[in-house]
């Protein structure tokens, strides 16, 4: 898509987030989420959840709370599954 200059949207980047998670790469997933705002895309909960879960499942609490902070910065608030993962 980048080579053909096709603009990415939230659904496209969320798919990349899910692919990164399937490869066990939480950092790559979160990097994709962080690219949304500069591209003019308002992130929603859908792409944050997998990155948050990956860090929580790996015991990387610092990164998990980094995701939570970025969510709050963008006006995205966790729901029950995300709160459960953080606890």
N, C-alpha and C. Protein backbone atom coordinates (compact mmCIF):
# COMPACT_ATOMS: atom_id res chain seq x y z
N UNK A 1 0.82 -1.19 0.00
CA UNK A 1 0.00 0.00 0.00
C UNK A 1 0.87 1.25 0.00
N UNK A 2 1.96 1.21 0.77
CA UNK A 2 2.84 2.37 0.82
C UNK A 2 3.50 2.60 -0.54
N UNK A 3 3.93 1.52 -1.18
CA UNK A 3 4.58 1.66 -2.48
C UNK A 3 3.65 2.23 -3.53
N UNK A 4 2.38 1.88 -3.45
CA UNK A 4 1.39 2.36 -4.41
C UNK A 4 0.71 3.65 -3.95
N UNK A 5 1.18 4.16 -2.80
CA UNK A 5 0.63 5.41 -2.23
C UNK A 5 -0.87 5.34 -1.96
N UNK A 6 -1.29 4.17 -1.51
CA UNK A 6 -2.68 3.99 -1.10
C UNK A 6 -2.76 4.41 0.37
N UNK A 7 -3.64 5.36 0.69
CA UNK A 7 -3.71 5.82 2.08
C UNK A 7 -4.19 4.72 3.02
N UNK A 8 -3.54 4.64 4.15
CA UNK A 8 -3.94 3.67 5.17
C UNK A 8 -5.09 4.24 5.97
N UNK A 9 -5.97 3.37 6.42
CA UNK A 9 -7.06 3.79 7.31
C UNK A 9 -6.96 2.99 8.61
N UNK A 10 -7.87 3.25 9.52
CA UNK A 10 -7.82 2.59 10.83
C UNK A 10 -7.93 1.08 10.70
N UNK A 11 -8.78 0.60 9.82
CA UNK A 11 -8.96 -0.84 9.65
C UNK A 11 -7.69 -1.51 9.12
N UNK A 12 -7.02 -0.85 8.20
CA UNK A 12 -5.78 -1.40 7.64
C UNK A 12 -4.71 -1.50 8.71
N UNK A 13 -4.53 -0.41 9.46
CA UNK A 13 -3.50 -0.43 10.50
C UNK A 13 -3.85 -1.40 11.62
N UNK A 14 -5.13 -1.55 11.92
CA UNK A 14 -5.53 -2.53 12.93
C UNK A 14 -5.21 -3.95 12.46
N UNK A 15 -5.35 -4.20 11.18
CA UNK A 15 -4.97 -5.52 10.63
C UNK A 15 -3.48 -5.77 10.79
N UNK A 16 -2.68 -4.74 10.57
CA UNK A 16 -1.23 -4.87 10.75
C UNK A 16 -0.92 -5.11 12.22
N UNK A 17 -1.64 -4.42 13.11
CA UNK A 17 -1.47 -4.64 14.56
C UNK A 17 -1.73 -6.11 14.88
N UNK A 18 -2.80 -6.65 14.35
CA UNK A 18 -3.15 -8.06 14.64
C UNK A 18 -2.13 -9.03 14.05
N UNK A 19 -1.58 -8.70 12.89
CA UNK A 19 -0.52 -9.55 12.32
C UNK A 19 0.71 -9.52 13.21
N UNK A 20 1.06 -8.34 13.70
CA UNK A 20 2.23 -8.23 14.59
C UNK A 20 2.01 -9.05 15.85
N UNK A 21 0.80 -8.99 16.39
CA UNK A 21 0.49 -9.77 17.60
C UNK A 21 0.57 -11.27 17.31
N UNK A 22 0.11 -11.68 16.13
CA UNK A 22 0.17 -13.11 15.79
C UNK A 22 1.60 -13.59 15.68
N UNK A 23 2.53 -12.67 15.41
CA UNK A 23 3.95 -13.02 15.36
C UNK A 23 4.62 -12.83 16.72
N UNK A 24 3.82 -12.42 17.72
CA UNK A 24 4.35 -12.24 19.06
C UNK A 24 5.13 -10.95 19.23
N UNK A 25 4.86 -9.96 18.39
CA UNK A 25 5.62 -8.72 18.42
C UNK A 25 4.76 -7.55 18.91
N UNK A 26 4.67 -7.41 20.22
CA UNK A 26 3.88 -6.34 20.82
C UNK A 26 4.43 -4.96 20.50
N UNK A 27 5.76 -4.85 20.42
CA UNK A 27 6.38 -3.56 20.11
C UNK A 27 5.96 -3.08 18.72
N UNK A 28 5.98 -3.96 17.76
CA UNK A 28 5.58 -3.59 16.40
C UNK A 28 4.10 -3.20 16.38
N UNK A 29 3.29 -3.94 17.12
CA UNK A 29 1.86 -3.64 17.18
C UNK A 29 1.63 -2.23 17.73
N UNK A 30 2.31 -1.91 18.82
CA UNK A 30 2.14 -0.60 19.43
C UNK A 30 2.70 0.51 18.52
N UNK A 31 3.77 0.22 17.80
CA UNK A 31 4.31 1.20 16.85
C UNK A 31 3.28 1.53 15.76
N UNK A 32 2.54 0.52 15.32
CA UNK A 32 1.50 0.76 14.32
C UNK A 32 0.40 1.67 14.88
N UNK A 33 0.04 1.44 16.13
CA UNK A 33 -0.99 2.27 16.77
C UNK A 33 -0.48 3.72 16.87
N UNK A 34 0.79 3.88 17.24
CA UNK A 34 1.35 5.22 17.39
C UNK A 34 1.43 5.97 16.06
N UNK A 35 1.42 5.26 14.95
CA UNK A 35 1.48 5.90 13.63
C UNK A 35 0.13 6.47 13.21
N UNK A 36 -0.94 6.08 13.86
CA UNK A 36 -2.27 6.50 13.43
C UNK A 36 -2.48 8.01 13.52
N UNK A 37 -2.20 8.59 14.66
CA UNK A 37 -2.46 10.01 14.87
C UNK A 37 -1.70 10.88 13.85
N UNK A 38 -0.40 10.64 13.62
CA UNK A 38 0.31 11.44 12.61
C UNK A 38 -0.26 11.28 11.20
N UNK A 39 -0.95 10.16 10.94
CA UNK A 39 -1.57 9.95 9.64
C UNK A 39 -2.98 10.56 9.57
N UNK A 40 -3.38 11.23 10.65
CA UNK A 40 -4.69 11.85 10.67
C UNK A 40 -5.82 10.90 11.03
N UNK A 41 -5.47 9.76 11.60
CA UNK A 41 -6.47 8.75 11.99
C UNK A 41 -6.64 8.82 13.50
N UNK A 42 -7.87 9.00 13.94
CA UNK A 42 -8.12 8.99 15.37
C UNK A 42 -8.23 7.55 15.83
N UNK A 43 -7.26 7.11 16.63
CA UNK A 43 -7.29 5.72 17.09
C UNK A 43 -8.51 5.46 17.98
N UNK A 44 -9.03 4.26 17.87
CA UNK A 44 -10.12 3.81 18.73
C UNK A 44 -9.59 2.65 19.57
N UNK A 45 -10.43 2.05 20.35
CA UNK A 45 -9.98 0.98 21.24
C UNK A 45 -9.49 -0.26 20.49
N UNK A 46 -10.07 -0.54 19.35
CA UNK A 46 -9.79 -1.79 18.62
C UNK A 46 -8.30 -2.05 18.39
N UNK A 47 -7.47 -1.11 17.96
CA UNK A 47 -6.05 -1.42 17.78
C UNK A 47 -5.25 -1.43 19.08
N UNK A 48 -5.72 -0.71 20.09
CA UNK A 48 -4.98 -0.67 21.35
C UNK A 48 -5.07 -2.00 22.11
N UNK A 49 -6.24 -2.63 22.07
CA UNK A 49 -6.48 -3.85 22.85
C UNK A 49 -5.45 -4.94 22.64
N UNK A 50 -5.15 -5.31 21.39
CA UNK A 50 -4.17 -6.39 21.19
C UNK A 50 -2.77 -6.04 21.71
N UNK A 51 -2.33 -4.81 21.51
CA UNK A 51 -1.01 -4.42 22.00
C UNK A 51 -0.98 -4.46 23.52
N UNK A 52 -2.02 -3.94 24.14
CA UNK A 52 -2.11 -3.96 25.60
C UNK A 52 -2.10 -5.39 26.12
N UNK A 53 -2.89 -6.26 25.51
CA UNK A 53 -2.95 -7.66 25.94
C UNK A 53 -1.60 -8.36 25.78
N UNK A 54 -0.92 -8.08 24.67
CA UNK A 54 0.38 -8.72 24.44
C UNK A 54 1.37 -8.36 25.54
N UNK A 55 1.43 -7.08 25.89
CA UNK A 55 2.36 -6.67 26.94
C UNK A 55 1.95 -7.23 28.30
N UNK A 56 0.65 -7.25 28.59
CA UNK A 56 0.18 -7.82 29.86
C UNK A 56 0.48 -9.31 29.94
N UNK A 57 0.23 -10.03 28.85
CA UNK A 57 0.46 -11.48 28.84
C UNK A 57 1.94 -11.82 28.97
N UNK A 58 2.82 -10.93 28.51
CA UNK A 58 4.26 -11.16 28.61
C UNK A 58 4.84 -10.63 29.91
N UNK A 59 3.98 -10.03 30.74
CA UNK A 59 4.45 -9.50 32.02
C UNK A 59 5.20 -8.20 31.91
N UNK A 60 5.09 -7.52 30.78
CA UNK A 60 5.80 -6.26 30.58
C UNK A 60 4.87 -5.12 31.01
N UNK A 61 4.80 -4.93 32.31
CA UNK A 61 3.87 -3.98 32.91
C UNK A 61 4.18 -2.54 32.48
N UNK A 62 5.44 -2.19 32.40
CA UNK A 62 5.81 -0.83 32.02
C UNK A 62 5.27 -0.48 30.63
N UNK A 63 5.43 -1.39 29.68
CA UNK A 63 4.93 -1.15 28.33
C UNK A 63 3.40 -1.17 28.30
N UNK A 64 2.79 -2.05 29.08
CA UNK A 64 1.33 -2.11 29.14
C UNK A 64 0.76 -0.78 29.62
N UNK A 65 1.35 -0.22 30.67
CA UNK A 65 0.85 1.06 31.16
C UNK A 65 1.22 2.20 30.23
N UNK A 66 2.27 2.02 29.42
CA UNK A 66 2.58 2.99 28.36
C UNK A 66 1.47 3.03 27.32
N UNK A 67 0.94 1.86 26.99
CA UNK A 67 -0.19 1.78 26.05
C UNK A 67 -1.40 2.48 26.67
N UNK A 68 -1.65 2.19 27.94
CA UNK A 68 -2.79 2.81 28.62
C UNK A 68 -2.67 4.33 28.61
N UNK A 69 -1.49 4.85 28.87
CA UNK A 69 -1.28 6.30 28.88
C UNK A 69 -1.53 6.90 27.50
N UNK A 70 -1.06 6.22 26.46
CA UNK A 70 -1.28 6.70 25.09
C UNK A 70 -2.77 6.68 24.76
N UNK A 71 -3.46 5.66 25.25
CA UNK A 71 -4.91 5.59 25.05
C UNK A 71 -5.58 6.83 25.65
N UNK A 72 -5.22 7.14 26.88
CA UNK A 72 -5.83 8.28 27.57
C UNK A 72 -5.52 9.59 26.84
N UNK A 73 -4.29 9.72 26.33
CA UNK A 73 -3.91 10.92 25.57
C UNK A 73 -4.82 11.14 24.38
N UNK A 74 -5.28 10.05 23.78
CA UNK A 74 -6.11 10.15 22.58
C UNK A 74 -7.60 10.02 22.89
N UNK A 75 -7.95 10.07 24.17
CA UNK A 75 -9.36 10.02 24.54
C UNK A 75 -9.99 8.65 24.38
N UNK A 76 -9.16 7.61 24.43
CA UNK A 76 -9.64 6.23 24.31
C UNK A 76 -9.55 5.61 25.71
N UNK A 77 -10.65 5.04 26.16
CA UNK A 77 -10.68 4.50 27.51
C UNK A 77 -10.91 3.00 27.48
N UNK A 78 -10.17 2.28 28.34
CA UNK A 78 -10.29 0.82 28.36
C UNK A 78 -11.66 0.36 28.83
N UNK A 79 -12.05 -0.76 28.31
CA UNK A 79 -13.29 -1.40 28.76
C UNK A 79 -12.90 -2.57 29.64
N UNK A 80 -13.85 -3.37 30.01
CA UNK A 80 -13.61 -4.44 30.97
C UNK A 80 -12.46 -5.38 30.59
N UNK A 81 -12.36 -5.88 29.34
CA UNK A 81 -11.24 -6.80 29.04
C UNK A 81 -9.87 -6.15 29.20
N UNK A 82 -9.76 -4.88 28.83
CA UNK A 82 -8.47 -4.19 28.94
C UNK A 82 -8.13 -3.92 30.41
N UNK A 83 -9.15 -3.54 31.17
CA UNK A 83 -8.92 -3.32 32.61
C UNK A 83 -8.53 -4.62 33.30
N UNK A 84 -9.19 -5.70 32.91
CA UNK A 84 -8.86 -7.01 33.48
C UNK A 84 -7.42 -7.39 33.17
N UNK A 85 -6.99 -7.15 31.95
CA UNK A 85 -5.60 -7.46 31.56
C UNK A 85 -4.62 -6.63 32.39
N UNK A 86 -4.94 -5.36 32.59
CA UNK A 86 -4.05 -4.49 33.38
C UNK A 86 -3.96 -4.93 34.83
N UNK A 87 -5.08 -5.43 35.37
CA UNK A 87 -5.06 -5.90 36.77
C UNK A 87 -4.28 -7.18 36.89
